């Protein structure tokens, strides 16, 4: 099966490298050894804003509207891959890499108490109720 591409570009990436194999001895001496395998690098992505789109009050959110900004499109992507299926990610410095989710997705809450309070949006001639989600982070494990 061909790998899918993580296409949610409106985030800020941060790489976390492992500390490595170090041991601290007495008198402040620290011993470090070379790794025996590839580094396990974690890619943190911060999403300052994602949105949910609803056709009418009480309707289920539609994940197909503005999918690159749609929290429910991201949720569907996560539900398909969970924490075991790999996928492609476009890394700003490394180019296309293969990752998998390192932690479960925690769905953010809406910022406003009333869905649609920030206004509507017309997409392809259809008017949508739009509400913004709180900022959130996800973690991916870069596959060697």
N, C-alpha and C. Protein backbone atom coordinates (compact mmCIF):
# COMPACT_ATOMS: atom_id res chain seq x y z
N UNK A 1 0.85 -1.18 0.00
CA UNK A 1 0.00 0.00 0.00
C UNK A 1 0.89 1.24 0.00
N UNK A 2 0.56 2.19 -0.84
CA UNK A 2 1.33 3.43 -0.93
C UNK A 2 1.07 4.30 0.30
N UNK A 3 2.12 4.98 0.74
CA UNK A 3 1.99 5.85 1.91
C UNK A 3 1.22 7.11 1.54
N UNK A 4 0.39 7.57 2.47
CA UNK A 4 -0.34 8.82 2.29
C UNK A 4 0.56 9.97 2.74
N UNK A 5 0.19 11.18 2.35
CA UNK A 5 0.96 12.37 2.71
C UNK A 5 0.20 13.19 3.74
N UNK A 6 0.91 13.57 4.79
CA UNK A 6 0.37 14.45 5.84
C UNK A 6 0.35 15.85 5.24
N UNK A 7 -0.82 16.33 4.85
CA UNK A 7 -0.93 17.61 4.13
C UNK A 7 -1.64 18.66 4.99
N UNK A 8 -1.03 18.99 6.10
CA UNK A 8 -1.54 20.02 7.01
C UNK A 8 -0.38 20.99 7.26
N UNK A 9 -0.12 21.89 6.30
CA UNK A 9 1.12 22.68 6.32
C UNK A 9 1.13 23.87 7.27
N UNK A 10 0.01 24.23 7.86
CA UNK A 10 -0.04 25.45 8.68
C UNK A 10 0.32 25.16 10.13
N UNK A 11 1.58 24.77 10.32
CA UNK A 11 2.08 24.44 11.64
C UNK A 11 3.53 24.88 11.73
N UNK A 12 4.04 24.92 12.95
CA UNK A 12 5.43 25.27 13.19
C UNK A 12 6.16 24.02 13.67
N UNK A 13 7.21 23.59 12.94
CA UNK A 13 7.92 22.36 13.33
C UNK A 13 9.04 22.63 14.33
N UNK A 14 9.33 21.60 15.11
CA UNK A 14 10.46 21.62 16.03
C UNK A 14 10.97 20.19 16.17
N UNK A 15 12.27 20.00 15.92
CA UNK A 15 12.88 18.67 16.03
C UNK A 15 13.46 18.48 17.42
N UNK A 16 13.25 17.30 17.99
CA UNK A 16 13.82 16.96 19.30
C UNK A 16 14.74 15.76 19.13
N UNK A 17 16.03 16.01 19.33
CA UNK A 17 17.03 14.94 19.19
C UNK A 17 17.23 14.25 20.54
N UNK A 18 17.61 12.97 20.52
CA UNK A 18 17.80 12.24 21.78
C UNK A 18 19.05 12.72 22.51
N UNK A 19 19.07 12.51 23.81
CA UNK A 19 20.21 12.90 24.63
C UNK A 19 21.40 12.00 24.38
N UNK A 20 21.19 10.81 23.94
CA UNK A 20 22.28 9.88 23.69
C UNK A 20 22.60 9.06 24.92
N UNK A 21 23.60 8.22 24.79
CA UNK A 21 24.00 7.35 25.89
C UNK A 21 25.08 8.04 26.72
N UNK A 22 24.68 8.65 27.82
CA UNK A 22 25.64 9.32 28.71
C UNK A 22 25.43 8.82 30.13
N UNK A 23 26.54 8.77 30.85
CA UNK A 23 26.51 8.38 32.26
C UNK A 23 27.34 9.39 33.03
N UNK A 24 26.80 9.85 34.15
CA UNK A 24 27.53 10.81 34.97
C UNK A 24 28.20 10.07 36.13
N UNK A 25 29.52 10.23 36.22
CA UNK A 25 30.29 9.61 37.30
C UNK A 25 30.61 10.67 38.36
N UNK A 26 31.33 10.28 39.37
CA UNK A 26 31.72 11.19 40.43
C UNK A 26 32.61 12.32 39.94
N UNK A 27 32.66 13.39 40.71
CA UNK A 27 33.46 14.59 40.44
C UNK A 27 33.07 15.27 39.14
N UNK A 28 31.83 15.09 38.71
CA UNK A 28 31.34 15.80 37.54
C UNK A 28 31.74 15.22 36.20
N UNK A 29 32.41 14.07 36.20
CA UNK A 29 32.83 13.46 34.93
C UNK A 29 31.62 12.82 34.26
N UNK A 30 31.46 13.11 32.98
CA UNK A 30 30.35 12.54 32.21
C UNK A 30 30.93 11.75 31.05
N UNK A 31 30.54 10.47 30.96
CA UNK A 31 30.99 9.61 29.88
C UNK A 31 29.90 9.53 28.83
N UNK A 32 30.28 9.65 27.56
CA UNK A 32 29.34 9.53 26.45
C UNK A 32 29.88 8.55 25.43
N UNK A 33 29.01 7.73 24.89
CA UNK A 33 29.43 6.77 23.86
C UNK A 33 28.65 7.04 22.58
N UNK A 34 29.24 6.59 21.49
CA UNK A 34 28.60 6.76 20.18
C UNK A 34 27.34 5.91 20.11
N UNK A 35 26.31 6.38 19.43
CA UNK A 35 25.09 5.57 19.31
C UNK A 35 25.34 4.32 18.46
N UNK A 36 24.59 3.28 18.74
CA UNK A 36 24.72 2.03 17.99
C UNK A 36 23.74 1.95 16.83
N UNK A 37 22.84 2.90 16.74
CA UNK A 37 21.86 2.91 15.67
C UNK A 37 21.47 4.34 15.33
N UNK A 38 20.49 4.50 14.46
CA UNK A 38 20.07 5.86 14.09
C UNK A 38 19.38 6.57 15.25
N UNK A 39 19.48 7.89 15.25
CA UNK A 39 18.81 8.69 16.27
C UNK A 39 17.30 8.57 16.16
N UNK A 40 16.63 8.55 17.30
CA UNK A 40 15.17 8.56 17.33
C UNK A 40 14.75 10.03 17.50
N UNK A 41 14.46 10.67 16.38
CA UNK A 41 14.14 12.10 16.38
C UNK A 41 12.62 12.27 16.41
N UNK A 42 12.16 13.14 17.31
CA UNK A 42 10.73 13.43 17.43
C UNK A 42 10.46 14.78 16.76
N UNK A 43 9.47 14.81 15.89
CA UNK A 43 9.05 16.03 15.21
C UNK A 43 7.81 16.55 15.93
N UNK A 44 7.94 17.72 16.55
CA UNK A 44 6.80 18.38 17.20
C UNK A 44 6.20 19.36 16.20
N UNK A 45 4.89 19.33 16.04
CA UNK A 45 4.21 20.31 15.20
C UNK A 45 3.22 21.08 16.06
N UNK A 46 3.33 22.41 16.03
CA UNK A 46 2.41 23.27 16.76
C UNK A 46 1.42 23.87 15.77
N UNK A 47 0.15 23.69 16.03
CA UNK A 47 -0.91 24.24 15.19
C UNK A 47 -1.55 25.40 15.94
N UNK A 48 -1.28 26.64 15.55
CA UNK A 48 -1.85 27.78 16.26
C UNK A 48 -3.35 27.93 16.02
N UNK A 49 -3.83 27.45 14.87
CA UNK A 49 -5.26 27.56 14.58
C UNK A 49 -5.68 26.51 13.56
N UNK A 50 -6.75 25.81 13.88
CA UNK A 50 -7.44 24.96 12.92
C UNK A 50 -8.93 25.22 13.13
N UNK A 51 -9.72 24.82 12.18
CA UNK A 51 -11.13 25.19 12.18
C UNK A 51 -12.03 23.98 11.95
N UNK A 52 -13.27 24.11 12.38
CA UNK A 52 -14.31 23.13 12.09
C UNK A 52 -15.38 23.84 11.26
N UNK A 53 -15.95 23.14 10.30
CA UNK A 53 -16.93 23.71 9.38
C UNK A 53 -18.23 22.93 9.51
N UNK A 54 -19.31 23.66 9.73
CA UNK A 54 -20.62 23.06 9.97
C UNK A 54 -21.62 23.72 9.01
N UNK A 55 -22.42 22.90 8.31
CA UNK A 55 -23.38 23.44 7.33
C UNK A 55 -24.50 24.21 8.03
N UNK A 56 -25.10 23.62 9.04
CA UNK A 56 -26.17 24.26 9.80
C UNK A 56 -26.00 23.89 11.26
N UNK A 57 -26.60 24.64 12.14
CA UNK A 57 -26.51 24.37 13.57
C UNK A 57 -26.99 22.95 13.85
N UNK A 58 -26.21 22.19 14.59
CA UNK A 58 -26.57 20.83 14.96
C UNK A 58 -26.09 19.76 13.99
N UNK A 59 -25.63 20.18 12.81
CA UNK A 59 -25.14 19.20 11.83
C UNK A 59 -23.73 18.74 12.21
N UNK A 60 -23.35 17.60 11.71
CA UNK A 60 -21.99 17.09 11.95
C UNK A 60 -21.00 17.96 11.19
N UNK A 61 -19.83 18.20 11.74
CA UNK A 61 -18.81 18.96 11.01
C UNK A 61 -18.39 18.21 9.74
N UNK A 62 -18.05 18.96 8.71
CA UNK A 62 -17.67 18.38 7.42
C UNK A 62 -16.15 18.42 7.26
N UNK A 63 -15.48 17.26 7.21
CA UNK A 63 -14.01 17.24 7.10
C UNK A 63 -13.49 17.55 5.70
N UNK A 64 -14.37 17.69 4.71
CA UNK A 64 -13.92 17.92 3.33
C UNK A 64 -13.77 19.39 2.98
N UNK A 65 -14.26 20.29 3.83
CA UNK A 65 -14.18 21.73 3.56
C UNK A 65 -12.83 22.25 4.04
N UNK A 66 -12.10 22.93 3.16
CA UNK A 66 -10.78 23.48 3.50
C UNK A 66 -9.95 22.44 4.28
N UNK A 67 -9.65 21.28 3.68
CA UNK A 67 -9.03 20.18 4.43
C UNK A 67 -7.68 20.50 5.07
N UNK A 68 -6.90 21.42 4.52
CA UNK A 68 -5.60 21.74 5.10
C UNK A 68 -5.71 22.52 6.41
N UNK A 69 -6.89 23.11 6.66
CA UNK A 69 -7.15 23.86 7.89
C UNK A 69 -8.23 23.22 8.75
N UNK A 70 -8.73 22.06 8.35
CA UNK A 70 -9.89 21.44 8.97
C UNK A 70 -9.46 20.41 10.03
N UNK A 71 -9.83 20.65 11.28
CA UNK A 71 -9.46 19.76 12.37
C UNK A 71 -10.04 18.35 12.18
N UNK A 72 -11.19 18.26 11.55
CA UNK A 72 -11.82 16.95 11.37
C UNK A 72 -11.16 16.17 10.23
N UNK A 73 -10.55 16.85 9.27
CA UNK A 73 -9.74 16.16 8.26
C UNK A 73 -8.49 15.59 8.91
N UNK A 74 -7.88 16.35 9.84
CA UNK A 74 -6.72 15.85 10.59
C UNK A 74 -7.13 14.66 11.45
N UNK A 75 -8.29 14.75 12.08
CA UNK A 75 -8.78 13.64 12.90
C UNK A 75 -8.98 12.38 12.07
N UNK A 76 -9.54 12.51 10.86
CA UNK A 76 -9.73 11.36 9.98
C UNK A 76 -8.38 10.77 9.57
N UNK A 77 -7.39 11.65 9.29
CA UNK A 77 -6.05 11.18 8.94
C UNK A 77 -5.46 10.38 10.10
N UNK A 78 -5.61 10.90 11.32
CA UNK A 78 -5.10 10.19 12.50
C UNK A 78 -5.82 8.84 12.69
N UNK A 79 -7.13 8.83 12.56
CA UNK A 79 -7.89 7.59 12.76
C UNK A 79 -7.47 6.50 11.77
N UNK A 80 -7.08 6.91 10.57
CA UNK A 80 -6.64 5.95 9.57
C UNK A 80 -5.26 5.38 9.94
N UNK A 81 -4.34 6.24 10.39
CA UNK A 81 -2.96 5.83 10.64
C UNK A 81 -2.69 5.37 12.08
N UNK A 82 -3.44 5.91 13.02
CA UNK A 82 -3.21 5.67 14.46
C UNK A 82 -1.72 5.88 14.75
N UNK A 83 -1.14 5.04 15.58
CA UNK A 83 0.27 5.23 15.93
C UNK A 83 1.17 4.18 15.29
N UNK A 84 0.64 3.43 14.33
CA UNK A 84 1.46 2.36 13.76
C UNK A 84 1.71 2.47 12.27
N UNK A 85 0.85 3.15 11.50
CA UNK A 85 1.07 3.25 10.06
C UNK A 85 1.92 4.47 9.73
N UNK A 86 2.96 4.31 8.93
CA UNK A 86 3.79 5.45 8.54
C UNK A 86 3.14 6.27 7.42
N UNK A 87 3.63 7.49 7.24
CA UNK A 87 3.13 8.39 6.21
C UNK A 87 4.23 9.40 5.87
N UNK A 88 4.06 10.09 4.75
CA UNK A 88 5.02 11.10 4.33
C UNK A 88 4.70 12.44 4.99
N UNK A 89 5.79 13.18 5.32
CA UNK A 89 5.67 14.54 5.85
C UNK A 89 6.70 15.40 5.12
N UNK A 90 6.31 16.60 4.70
CA UNK A 90 7.27 17.51 4.09
C UNK A 90 7.92 18.32 5.20
N UNK A 91 9.19 18.01 5.47
CA UNK A 91 9.95 18.68 6.54
C UNK A 91 10.60 19.93 5.93
N UNK A 92 10.61 21.06 6.66
CA UNK A 92 11.15 22.30 6.07
C UNK A 92 12.64 22.24 5.74
N UNK A 93 13.41 21.43 6.45
CA UNK A 93 14.85 21.35 6.18
C UNK A 93 15.28 20.04 5.51
N UNK A 94 14.60 18.96 5.82
CA UNK A 94 15.01 17.65 5.32
C UNK A 94 14.26 17.21 4.07
N UNK A 95 13.24 17.96 3.67
CA UNK A 95 12.43 17.55 2.53
C UNK A 95 11.42 16.50 2.95
N UNK A 96 11.07 15.61 2.03
CA UNK A 96 10.06 14.59 2.34
C UNK A 96 10.68 13.50 3.22
N UNK A 97 10.03 13.25 4.35
CA UNK A 97 10.47 12.22 5.29
C UNK A 97 9.30 11.29 5.60
N UNK A 98 9.60 10.17 6.22
CA UNK A 98 8.57 9.22 6.63
C UNK A 98 8.45 9.30 8.15
N UNK A 99 7.21 9.43 8.63
CA UNK A 99 6.94 9.54 10.07
C UNK A 99 5.77 8.63 10.43
N UNK A 100 5.57 8.51 11.73
CA UNK A 100 4.33 7.95 12.27
C UNK A 100 4.02 8.75 13.53
N UNK A 101 2.77 8.72 13.97
CA UNK A 101 2.40 9.47 15.17
C UNK A 101 3.10 8.87 16.38
N UNK A 102 3.63 9.73 17.25
CA UNK A 102 4.34 9.29 18.44
C UNK A 102 3.44 9.28 19.68
N UNK A 103 2.39 10.08 19.66
CA UNK A 103 1.42 10.15 20.76
C UNK A 103 0.02 10.20 20.15
N UNK A 104 -0.97 9.77 20.90
CA UNK A 104 -2.34 9.86 20.38
C UNK A 104 -2.76 11.31 20.18
N UNK A 105 -3.61 11.52 19.19
CA UNK A 105 -4.16 12.86 18.93
C UNK A 105 -5.12 13.23 20.04
N UNK A 106 -4.95 14.41 20.61
CA UNK A 106 -5.89 14.96 21.58
C UNK A 106 -6.63 16.09 20.87
N UNK A 107 -7.92 15.88 20.62
CA UNK A 107 -8.69 16.87 19.89
C UNK A 107 -8.82 18.15 20.71
N UNK A 108 -8.48 19.30 20.12
CA UNK A 108 -8.59 20.56 20.85
C UNK A 108 -10.04 21.01 20.97
N UNK A 109 -10.28 21.87 21.96
CA UNK A 109 -11.62 22.42 22.18
C UNK A 109 -11.81 23.65 21.31
N UNK A 110 -13.06 23.98 21.00
CA UNK A 110 -13.31 25.25 20.31
C UNK A 110 -12.95 26.42 21.23
N UNK A 111 -12.45 27.49 20.64
CA UNK A 111 -12.11 28.68 21.42
C UNK A 111 -13.37 29.35 21.96
N UNK A 112 -14.35 29.49 21.12
CA UNK A 112 -15.60 30.16 21.50
C UNK A 112 -16.57 29.15 22.10
N UNK A 113 -17.46 29.63 22.95
CA UNK A 113 -18.45 28.75 23.54
C UNK A 113 -19.58 28.41 22.57
N UNK A 114 -19.79 29.27 21.58
CA UNK A 114 -20.85 29.03 20.60
C UNK A 114 -20.23 28.74 19.24
N UNK A 115 -20.43 27.54 18.69
CA UNK A 115 -19.90 27.26 17.36
C UNK A 115 -20.43 28.27 16.34
N UNK A 116 -19.56 28.70 15.47
CA UNK A 116 -19.96 29.65 14.45
C UNK A 116 -19.86 31.09 14.90
N UNK A 117 -19.45 31.34 16.14
CA UNK A 117 -19.43 32.69 16.68
C UNK A 117 -18.42 33.60 15.96
N UNK A 118 -17.36 33.01 15.40
CA UNK A 118 -16.39 33.85 14.70
C UNK A 118 -16.87 34.19 13.30
N UNK A 119 -18.03 33.71 12.91
CA UNK A 119 -18.58 34.07 11.61
C UNK A 119 -18.62 32.89 10.67
N UNK A 120 -19.06 33.19 9.48
CA UNK A 120 -19.19 32.15 8.48
C UNK A 120 -18.17 32.32 7.39
N UNK A 121 -18.18 31.37 6.48
CA UNK A 121 -17.27 31.43 5.35
C UNK A 121 -17.96 30.76 4.17
N UNK A 122 -17.80 31.35 3.02
CA UNK A 122 -18.36 30.78 1.80
C UNK A 122 -17.25 30.05 1.07
N UNK A 123 -17.44 28.74 0.85
CA UNK A 123 -16.48 27.91 0.14
C UNK A 123 -17.22 27.25 -1.02
N UNK A 124 -16.77 27.50 -2.23
CA UNK A 124 -17.40 26.95 -3.44
C UNK A 124 -18.90 27.24 -3.49
N UNK A 125 -19.26 28.45 -3.10
CA UNK A 125 -20.65 28.88 -3.16
C UNK A 125 -21.53 28.40 -2.03
N UNK A 126 -20.98 27.69 -1.05
CA UNK A 126 -21.74 27.18 0.08
C UNK A 126 -21.31 27.94 1.34
N UNK A 127 -22.29 28.39 2.10
CA UNK A 127 -22.01 29.10 3.34
C UNK A 127 -21.85 28.11 4.49
N UNK A 128 -20.76 28.28 5.29
CA UNK A 128 -20.46 27.37 6.39
C UNK A 128 -20.36 28.13 7.69
N UNK A 129 -20.83 27.51 8.75
CA UNK A 129 -20.57 28.01 10.11
C UNK A 129 -19.15 27.57 10.44
N UNK A 130 -18.32 28.49 10.92
CA UNK A 130 -16.91 28.19 11.17
C UNK A 130 -16.60 28.51 12.62
N UNK A 131 -15.88 27.61 13.28
CA UNK A 131 -15.38 27.94 14.60
C UNK A 131 -13.95 27.45 14.75
N UNK A 132 -13.17 28.25 15.47
CA UNK A 132 -11.74 28.01 15.62
C UNK A 132 -11.47 27.13 16.83
N UNK A 133 -10.46 26.27 16.70
CA UNK A 133 -10.06 25.39 17.78
C UNK A 133 -8.88 26.01 18.53
N UNK A 134 -8.67 25.60 19.79
CA UNK A 134 -7.52 26.06 20.55
C UNK A 134 -6.23 25.58 19.89
N UNK A 135 -5.13 26.30 20.14
CA UNK A 135 -3.83 25.86 19.64
C UNK A 135 -3.48 24.51 20.27
N UNK A 136 -2.79 23.66 19.53
CA UNK A 136 -2.44 22.34 20.03
C UNK A 136 -1.16 21.85 19.36
N UNK A 137 -0.59 20.80 19.92
CA UNK A 137 0.64 20.18 19.40
C UNK A 137 0.39 18.72 19.10
N UNK A 138 1.13 18.21 18.12
CA UNK A 138 1.16 16.77 17.88
C UNK A 138 2.64 16.36 17.79
N UNK A 139 2.90 15.09 18.06
CA UNK A 139 4.25 14.55 17.99
C UNK A 139 4.30 13.44 16.98
N UNK A 140 5.35 13.48 16.16
CA UNK A 140 5.61 12.41 15.19
C UNK A 140 7.00 11.87 15.42
N UNK A 141 7.18 10.61 15.14
CA UNK A 141 8.48 9.98 15.25
C UNK A 141 9.02 9.81 13.84
N UNK A 142 10.16 10.43 13.56
CA UNK A 142 10.76 10.31 12.24
C UNK A 142 11.33 8.90 12.09
N UNK A 143 10.94 8.22 11.01
CA UNK A 143 11.38 6.85 10.78
C UNK A 143 12.71 6.85 10.05
N UNK A 144 13.65 6.04 10.49
CA UNK A 144 14.97 6.00 9.84
C UNK A 144 14.91 5.38 8.44
